[in-house]
Amino acid sequence: MSDTVPLSKLSVGSSAVLREYPKSGTAFLRLREMGMLPGTRLTLVRTAPMGDPIEIKVRGYNLTLRKSEADHVIVEPESAA
């Protein structure tokens, strides 16, 4: 098992598996409702020029998150085989 990092630290084009995020708050309720559950694979598509927001591809659609939200989403980067 690889080390985990915040989603906000993932580099553009990298894929990862979501491992955990806080279980409370309206932003995190919204993320769960959009299918971001532990074990879900995602890819960082791009970041805005100033680094906020970021766009990820998850479950076949693109989702934009604030960097402050992505700081609390913990992912396990997939190693390049």
N, C-alpha and C. Protein backbone atom coordinates (compact mmCIF):
# COMPACT_ATOMS: atom_id res chain seq x y z
N MET A 1 0.84 -1.18 0.00
CA MET A 1 0.00 0.00 0.00
C MET A 1 0.88 1.25 0.00
N SER A 2 0.56 2.18 -0.85
CA SER A 2 1.30 3.41 -1.00
C SER A 2 0.92 4.40 0.11
N ASP A 3 1.69 5.46 0.24
CA ASP A 3 1.36 6.51 1.19
C ASP A 3 0.15 7.28 0.69
N THR A 4 -0.59 7.86 1.61
CA THR A 4 -1.74 8.66 1.24
C THR A 4 -1.37 10.14 1.29
N VAL A 5 -2.05 10.94 0.48
CA VAL A 5 -1.81 12.38 0.40
C VAL A 5 -3.16 13.08 0.25
N PRO A 6 -3.21 14.37 0.55
CA PRO A 6 -4.43 15.13 0.26
C PRO A 6 -4.64 15.23 -1.25
N LEU A 7 -5.87 15.22 -1.69
CA LEU A 7 -6.19 15.35 -3.10
C LEU A 7 -5.57 16.62 -3.69
N SER A 8 -5.49 17.66 -2.92
CA SER A 8 -4.94 18.93 -3.41
C SER A 8 -3.45 18.83 -3.76
N LYS A 9 -2.75 17.80 -3.29
CA LYS A 9 -1.32 17.61 -3.57
C LYS A 9 -1.06 16.71 -4.77
N LEU A 10 -2.11 16.14 -5.35
CA LEU A 10 -1.96 15.27 -6.52
C LEU A 10 -1.55 16.11 -7.71
N SER A 11 -0.71 15.57 -8.60
CA SER A 11 -0.31 16.33 -9.78
C SER A 11 -1.30 16.09 -10.91
N VAL A 12 -1.40 17.07 -11.80
CA VAL A 12 -2.34 17.01 -12.92
C VAL A 12 -2.07 15.76 -13.76
N GLY A 13 -3.13 15.05 -14.09
CA GLY A 13 -3.02 13.83 -14.88
C GLY A 13 -2.86 12.57 -14.05
N SER A 14 -2.63 12.72 -12.75
CA SER A 14 -2.44 11.57 -11.87
C SER A 14 -3.78 10.98 -11.46
N SER A 15 -3.77 9.67 -11.30
CA SER A 15 -4.95 8.96 -10.81
C SER A 15 -4.70 8.50 -9.38
N ALA A 16 -5.78 8.34 -8.64
CA ALA A 16 -5.67 7.94 -7.24
C ALA A 16 -6.96 7.25 -6.83
N VAL A 17 -6.92 6.62 -5.68
CA VAL A 17 -8.09 5.99 -5.09
C VAL A 17 -8.43 6.77 -3.83
N LEU A 18 -9.69 7.18 -3.71
CA LEU A 18 -10.12 7.92 -2.54
C LEU A 18 -10.08 6.99 -1.33
N ARG A 19 -9.47 7.43 -0.26
CA ARG A 19 -9.38 6.61 0.95
C ARG A 19 -10.24 7.13 2.09
N GLU A 20 -10.25 8.45 2.32
CA GLU A 20 -11.08 8.97 3.42
C GLU A 20 -11.27 10.47 3.30
N TYR A 21 -12.26 10.96 4.02
CA TYR A 21 -12.52 12.39 4.16
C TYR A 21 -13.39 12.57 5.39
N PRO A 22 -13.45 13.78 5.93
CA PRO A 22 -14.27 13.99 7.13
C PRO A 22 -15.71 13.55 6.88
N LYS A 23 -16.31 13.01 7.90
CA LYS A 23 -17.65 12.45 7.78
C LYS A 23 -18.76 13.45 8.13
N SER A 24 -18.41 14.73 8.23
CA SER A 24 -19.43 15.71 8.60
C SER A 24 -19.27 16.97 7.76
N GLY A 25 -20.28 17.80 7.77
CA GLY A 25 -20.25 19.06 7.05
C GLY A 25 -21.03 18.97 5.74
N THR A 26 -21.58 20.09 5.31
CA THR A 26 -22.40 20.09 4.10
C THR A 26 -21.60 19.79 2.85
N ALA A 27 -20.36 20.27 2.76
CA ALA A 27 -19.54 20.00 1.57
C ALA A 27 -19.29 18.51 1.43
N PHE A 28 -19.06 17.83 2.52
CA PHE A 28 -18.75 16.41 2.45
C PHE A 28 -20.00 15.56 2.24
N LEU A 29 -21.14 16.04 2.68
CA LEU A 29 -22.41 15.38 2.35
C LEU A 29 -22.62 15.45 0.84
N ARG A 30 -22.35 16.61 0.27
CA ARG A 30 -22.48 16.81 -1.18
C ARG A 30 -21.53 15.88 -1.94
N LEU A 31 -20.29 15.73 -1.47
CA LEU A 31 -19.33 14.85 -2.14
C LEU A 31 -19.81 13.40 -2.11
N ARG A 32 -20.32 12.96 -0.99
CA ARG A 32 -20.85 11.58 -0.91
C ARG A 32 -22.02 11.39 -1.86
N GLU A 33 -22.90 12.37 -1.93
CA GLU A 33 -24.05 12.28 -2.82
C GLU A 33 -23.63 12.23 -4.29
N MET A 34 -22.46 12.78 -4.61
CA MET A 34 -21.95 12.77 -5.98
C MET A 34 -21.12 11.53 -6.28
N GLY A 35 -21.08 10.58 -5.36
CA GLY A 35 -20.41 9.31 -5.63
C GLY A 35 -18.98 9.22 -5.16
N MET A 36 -18.49 10.20 -4.43
CA MET A 36 -17.12 10.14 -3.93
C MET A 36 -17.11 9.36 -2.62
N LEU A 37 -16.96 8.06 -2.76
CA LEU A 37 -16.94 7.16 -1.62
C LEU A 37 -15.57 6.51 -1.52
N PRO A 38 -15.15 6.09 -0.32
CA PRO A 38 -13.86 5.40 -0.19
C PRO A 38 -13.77 4.24 -1.19
N GLY A 39 -12.63 4.15 -1.86
CA GLY A 39 -12.41 3.12 -2.85
C GLY A 39 -12.67 3.59 -4.28
N THR A 40 -13.23 4.79 -4.44
CA THR A 40 -13.52 5.33 -5.76
C THR A 40 -12.24 5.83 -6.43
N ARG A 41 -12.06 5.46 -7.71
CA ARG A 41 -10.90 5.91 -8.47
C ARG A 41 -11.22 7.27 -9.07
N LEU A 42 -10.24 8.18 -9.07
CA LEU A 42 -10.42 9.50 -9.64
C LEU A 42 -9.13 9.94 -10.31
N THR A 43 -9.24 10.94 -11.19
CA THR A 43 -8.09 11.50 -11.89
C THR A 43 -8.16 13.01 -11.78
N LEU A 44 -7.02 13.64 -11.46
CA LEU A 44 -6.96 15.10 -11.44
C LEU A 44 -6.80 15.58 -12.87
N VAL A 45 -7.81 16.27 -13.38
CA VAL A 45 -7.83 16.72 -14.77
C VAL A 45 -7.03 18.00 -14.94
N ARG A 46 -7.32 19.00 -14.12
CA ARG A 46 -6.60 20.27 -14.21
C ARG A 46 -6.86 21.12 -12.98
N THR A 47 -6.02 22.14 -12.85
CA THR A 47 -6.21 23.12 -11.79
C THR A 47 -6.32 24.49 -12.44
N ALA A 48 -6.97 25.40 -11.77
CA ALA A 48 -7.06 26.77 -12.26
C ALA A 48 -5.68 27.42 -12.18
N PRO A 49 -5.44 28.47 -12.93
CA PRO A 49 -4.11 29.10 -12.94
C PRO A 49 -3.57 29.46 -11.56
N MET A 50 -4.42 29.86 -10.65
CA MET A 50 -3.95 30.21 -9.31
C MET A 50 -4.05 29.02 -8.35
N GLY A 51 -4.39 27.83 -8.88
CA GLY A 51 -4.44 26.62 -8.07
C GLY A 51 -5.77 26.33 -7.41
N ASP A 52 -6.75 27.19 -7.61
CA ASP A 52 -8.06 26.99 -6.98
C ASP A 52 -9.12 27.50 -7.93
N PRO A 53 -10.08 26.70 -8.34
CA PRO A 53 -10.40 25.34 -7.91
C PRO A 53 -9.62 24.29 -8.71
N ILE A 54 -9.92 23.01 -8.40
CA ILE A 54 -9.34 21.90 -9.14
C ILE A 54 -10.48 21.10 -9.77
N GLU A 55 -10.17 20.44 -10.88
CA GLU A 55 -11.18 19.63 -11.57
C GLU A 55 -10.73 18.18 -11.57
N ILE A 56 -11.61 17.28 -11.14
CA ILE A 56 -11.30 15.86 -11.13
C ILE A 56 -12.32 15.11 -11.99
N LYS A 57 -11.91 13.95 -12.47
CA LYS A 57 -12.83 13.06 -13.18
C LYS A 57 -13.10 11.90 -12.24
N VAL A 58 -14.38 11.69 -11.93
CA VAL A 58 -14.79 10.64 -11.01
C VAL A 58 -16.08 10.01 -11.52
N ARG A 59 -16.10 8.70 -11.60
CA ARG A 59 -17.29 7.95 -12.06
C ARG A 59 -17.83 8.44 -13.39
N GLY A 60 -16.93 8.83 -14.31
CA GLY A 60 -17.34 9.20 -15.66
C GLY A 60 -17.76 10.64 -15.86
N TYR A 61 -17.67 11.48 -14.85
CA TYR A 61 -18.01 12.89 -15.04
C TYR A 61 -16.96 13.76 -14.36
N ASN A 62 -16.92 15.03 -14.76
CA ASN A 62 -15.96 15.96 -14.18
C ASN A 62 -16.62 16.73 -13.04
N LEU A 63 -15.85 16.91 -11.98
CA LEU A 63 -16.33 17.57 -10.77
C LEU A 63 -15.29 18.62 -10.38
N THR A 64 -15.74 19.80 -10.05
CA THR A 64 -14.85 20.87 -9.63
C THR A 64 -14.97 21.04 -8.12
N LEU A 65 -13.80 21.09 -7.45
CA LEU A 65 -13.75 21.26 -6.00
C LEU A 65 -12.90 22.46 -5.63
N ARG A 66 -13.25 23.10 -4.56
CA ARG A 66 -12.38 24.13 -4.00
C ARG A 66 -11.14 23.45 -3.44
N LYS A 67 -10.03 24.16 -3.47
CA LYS A 67 -8.80 23.60 -2.91
C LYS A 67 -8.98 23.33 -1.42
N SER A 68 -9.73 24.17 -0.72
CA SER A 68 -9.95 23.96 0.71
C SER A 68 -10.71 22.67 0.98
N GLU A 69 -11.58 22.25 0.06
CA GLU A 69 -12.27 20.96 0.19
C GLU A 69 -11.32 19.82 -0.13
N ALA A 70 -10.54 19.99 -1.20
CA ALA A 70 -9.60 18.95 -1.64
C ALA A 70 -8.51 18.69 -0.60
N ASP A 71 -8.20 19.69 0.23
CA ASP A 71 -7.20 19.51 1.30
C ASP A 71 -7.62 18.44 2.29
N HIS A 72 -8.94 18.21 2.43
CA HIS A 72 -9.45 17.26 3.42
C HIS A 72 -9.81 15.90 2.84
N VAL A 73 -9.66 15.76 1.53
CA VAL A 73 -9.94 14.48 0.87
C VAL A 73 -8.61 13.73 0.74
N ILE A 74 -8.51 12.57 1.38
CA ILE A 74 -7.27 11.80 1.39
C ILE A 74 -7.34 10.71 0.33
N VAL A 75 -6.30 10.68 -0.52
CA VAL A 75 -6.25 9.71 -1.63
C VAL A 75 -4.96 8.93 -1.58
N GLU A 76 -4.97 7.78 -2.24
CA GLU A 76 -3.78 6.95 -2.40
C GLU A 76 -3.41 6.99 -3.88
N PRO A 77 -2.33 7.68 -4.24
CA PRO A 77 -1.94 7.76 -5.65
C PRO A 77 -1.67 6.37 -6.23
N GLU A 78 -2.08 6.18 -7.48
CA GLU A 78 -1.83 4.92 -8.16
C GLU A 78 -0.42 4.99 -8.76
N SER A 79 0.33 3.94 -8.58
CA SER A 79 1.69 3.92 -9.11
C SER A 79 1.63 3.61 -10.59
N ALA A 80 2.54 4.23 -11.34
CA ALA A 80 2.63 3.96 -12.78
C ALA A 80 3.28 2.61 -12.97
N ALA A 81 2.59 1.70 -13.64
CA ALA A 81 3.10 0.34 -13.82
C ALA A 81 4.05 0.24 -14.97
